Amino acid sequence: MARSALAERRSPLRCFPGEPTPRLYDRVVEVLRARHYSPRTEEAYVHWIRRFTLFHAGAHPRELGEGHVNTFLTHLAVKEDVAASTQNQALAALLFLYQHVLEQPLNRIEGVIGARKPKRLPVVLTSDEVEAVLAHLNGVPSLVCTLLYVLG
């Protein structure tokens, strides 16, 4: 088998092209697959675990703890300005790593600066837009919509 094909086969999700996969990632993928996680979840979790270890200069997660997870998640929110759902996905990946792969569940993760949730502004029609809509209605629908608009 060619060297590149072997490296690609050994590397989960091609995260480490041209290099043998670190044993930690092999174990993560093994546990994810044993628990029947989806391939997309597998890809996301491996990504966040890799980002976490790289953020801490390649230190093995066994050497890191709650404070390091807190620092990483806060960095994502403050420096990288990620969405709240992205930060939550990174947290889920790290909780999975510590609980199911390393079998060292984390204690409470406190003091994390949360990512901002996007503000959802309601869509409201202007008076002119409402008039334009009502102008296209006739009969009972026109009466019902006009009453709803006036009474609302």
Protein backbone atom coordinates (compact mmCIF):
# COMPACT_ATOMS: atom_id res chain seq x y z
CA MET A 1 0.00 0.00 0.00
CA ALA A 2 1.36 3.46 -0.85
CA ARG A 3 2.60 5.59 2.05
CA SER A 4 0.04 8.40 1.51
CA ALA A 5 -2.83 5.91 1.32
CA LEU A 6 -1.67 4.27 4.54
CA ALA A 7 -1.35 7.62 6.33
CA GLU A 8 -4.79 8.67 5.10
CA ARG A 9 -6.34 5.40 6.27
CA ARG A 10 -4.77 5.69 9.72
CA SER A 11 -5.76 9.32 10.13
CA PRO A 12 -9.35 9.78 11.30
CA LEU A 13 -11.16 12.26 9.11
CA ARG A 14 -7.89 13.27 7.45
CA CYS A 15 -7.09 15.69 10.30
CA PHE A 16 -3.40 14.77 10.23
CA PRO A 17 -2.52 14.39 6.55
CA GLY A 18 0.84 12.77 6.01
CA GLU A 19 1.28 11.90 9.69
CA PRO A 20 0.28 8.87 11.73
CA THR A 21 -2.68 9.63 13.94
CA PRO A 22 -1.87 10.31 17.59
CA ARG A 23 -3.17 7.54 19.84
CA LEU A 24 -5.52 9.92 21.66
CA TYR A 25 -7.42 10.63 18.45
CA ASP A 26 -7.60 6.92 17.61
CA ARG A 27 -9.15 6.34 21.03
CA VAL A 28 -11.60 9.26 20.61
CA VAL A 29 -12.78 7.91 17.27
CA GLU A 30 -13.04 4.38 18.68
CA VAL A 31 -15.26 5.53 21.58
CA LEU A 32 -17.39 7.76 19.35
CA ARG A 33 -18.02 4.91 16.95
CA ALA A 34 -18.73 2.44 19.74
CA ARG A 35 -21.38 4.85 21.02
CA HIS A 36 -22.83 5.25 17.49
CA TYR A 37 -22.21 8.97 17.16
CA SER A 38 -22.76 10.36 13.67
CA PRO A 39 -19.80 10.94 11.34
CA ARG A 40 -20.41 14.71 11.50
CA THR A 41 -20.29 14.66 15.30
CA GLU A 42 -17.11 12.58 15.11
CA GLU A 43 -15.57 15.14 12.77
CA ALA A 44 -16.61 18.07 14.99
CA TYR A 45 -15.43 16.47 18.23
CA VAL A 46 -12.03 15.50 16.78
CA HIS A 47 -11.70 19.05 15.47
CA TRP A 48 -12.42 20.66 18.87
CA ILE A 49 -10.22 18.24 20.80
CA ARG A 50 -7.37 18.97 18.38
CA ARG A 51 -7.94 22.75 18.71
CA PHE A 52 -7.93 22.40 22.51
CA THR A 53 -4.62 20.53 22.57
CA LEU A 54 -3.01 22.91 20.07
CA PHE A 55 -4.24 25.90 22.09
CA HIS A 56 -2.37 24.47 25.08
CA ALA A 57 0.86 23.96 23.10
CA GLY A 58 0.22 20.29 22.37
CA ALA A 59 -0.15 19.26 26.02
CA HIS A 60 -1.98 15.99 26.54
CA PRO A 61 -5.49 16.61 27.91
CA ARG A 62 -4.69 14.26 30.83
CA GLU A 63 -2.27 16.97 32.03
CA LEU A 64 -4.94 19.67 31.72
CA GLY A 65 -8.06 20.32 33.76
CA GLU A 66 -11.09 22.51 34.32
CA GLY A 67 -9.08 25.73 34.34
CA HIS A 68 -7.59 24.93 30.94
CA VAL A 69 -11.03 24.13 29.50
CA ASN A 70 -12.31 27.41 30.94
CA THR A 71 -9.42 29.35 29.40
CA PHE A 72 -9.98 27.74 25.99
CA LEU A 73 -13.74 28.35 25.96
CA THR A 74 -13.28 31.95 27.10
CA HIS A 75 -10.68 32.45 24.35
CA LEU A 76 -13.18 31.19 21.77
CA ALA A 77 -15.79 33.70 22.94
CA VAL A 78 -13.56 36.73 23.52
CA LYS A 79 -10.74 36.47 20.97
CA GLU A 80 -12.37 34.46 18.20
CA ASP A 81 -15.89 35.84 18.67
CA VAL A 82 -17.56 32.48 17.99
CA ALA A 83 -21.30 31.98 18.25
CA ALA A 84 -22.78 30.55 21.43
CA SER A 85 -23.67 27.31 19.63
CA THR A 86 -20.05 26.92 18.48
CA GLN A 87 -18.77 27.42 22.01
CA ASN A 88 -21.32 24.87 23.27
CA GLN A 89 -20.17 22.35 20.67
CA ALA A 90 -16.55 22.78 21.78
CA LEU A 91 -17.63 22.28 25.41
CA ALA A 92 -19.58 19.14 24.51
CA ALA A 93 -16.54 17.70 22.72
CA LEU A 94 -14.28 18.36 25.70
CA LEU A 95 -16.79 16.96 28.20
CA PHE A 96 -17.03 13.83 26.03
CA LEU A 97 -13.23 13.56 25.91
CA TYR A 98 -12.78 13.78 29.65
CA GLN A 99 -15.78 11.65 30.65
CA HIS A 100 -15.81 8.87 28.06
CA VAL A 101 -12.29 8.70 26.63
CA LEU A 102 -9.99 9.69 29.49
CA GLU A 103 -12.50 8.57 32.13
CA GLN A 104 -11.65 11.63 34.23
CA PRO A 105 -14.92 13.59 34.38
CA LEU A 106 -14.43 17.30 34.84
CA ASN A 107 -15.82 19.07 37.85
CA ARG A 108 -17.88 22.19 37.33
CA ILE A 109 -16.69 24.49 34.57
CA GLU A 110 -17.28 27.92 36.08
CA GLY A 111 -16.50 31.45 35.08
CA VAL A 112 -16.51 30.86 31.34
CA ILE A 113 -17.30 34.01 29.43
CA GLY A 114 -20.18 32.99 27.24
CA ALA A 115 -20.32 33.78 23.56
CA ARG A 116 -22.91 36.32 22.57
CA LYS A 117 -26.17 34.93 21.32
CA PRO A 118 -27.35 36.67 18.18
CA LYS A 119 -30.15 39.13 18.75
CA ARG A 120 -33.23 38.12 16.86
CA LEU A 121 -35.21 41.13 15.83
CA PRO A 122 -38.88 40.61 15.06
CA VAL A 123 -39.94 41.29 11.51
CA VAL A 124 -42.62 43.98 11.53
CA LEU A 125 -44.24 45.47 8.48
CA THR A 126 -44.44 49.24 8.12
CA SER A 127 -47.84 50.89 7.76
CA ASP A 128 -47.27 51.33 4.02
CA GLU A 129 -46.39 47.63 3.63
CA VAL A 130 -49.54 46.60 5.52
CA GLU A 131 -51.65 48.86 3.28
CA ALA A 132 -50.08 47.30 0.19
CA VAL A 133 -50.92 43.78 1.43
CA LEU A 134 -54.49 44.73 2.39
CA ALA A 135 -55.01 46.41 -1.00
CA HIS A 136 -54.61 43.00 -2.68
CA LEU A 137 -57.34 41.35 -0.59
CA ASN A 138 -61.09 41.32 -1.27
CA GLY A 139 -64.23 40.22 0.55
CA VAL A 140 -64.03 38.22 3.78
CA PRO A 141 -60.21 37.82 3.76
CA SER A 142 -59.88 41.60 3.50
CA LEU A 143 -62.31 42.12 6.38
CA VAL A 144 -60.60 39.54 8.61
CA CYS A 145 -57.08 40.85 7.93
CA THR A 146 -58.15 44.48 8.42
CA LEU A 147 -59.78 43.63 11.75
CA LEU A 148 -56.72 41.67 12.88
CA TYR A 149 -54.45 44.56 11.97
CA VAL A 150 -56.60 47.22 13.63
CA LEU A 151 -57.24 45.18 16.80
CA GLY A 152 -53.68 43.84 17.09
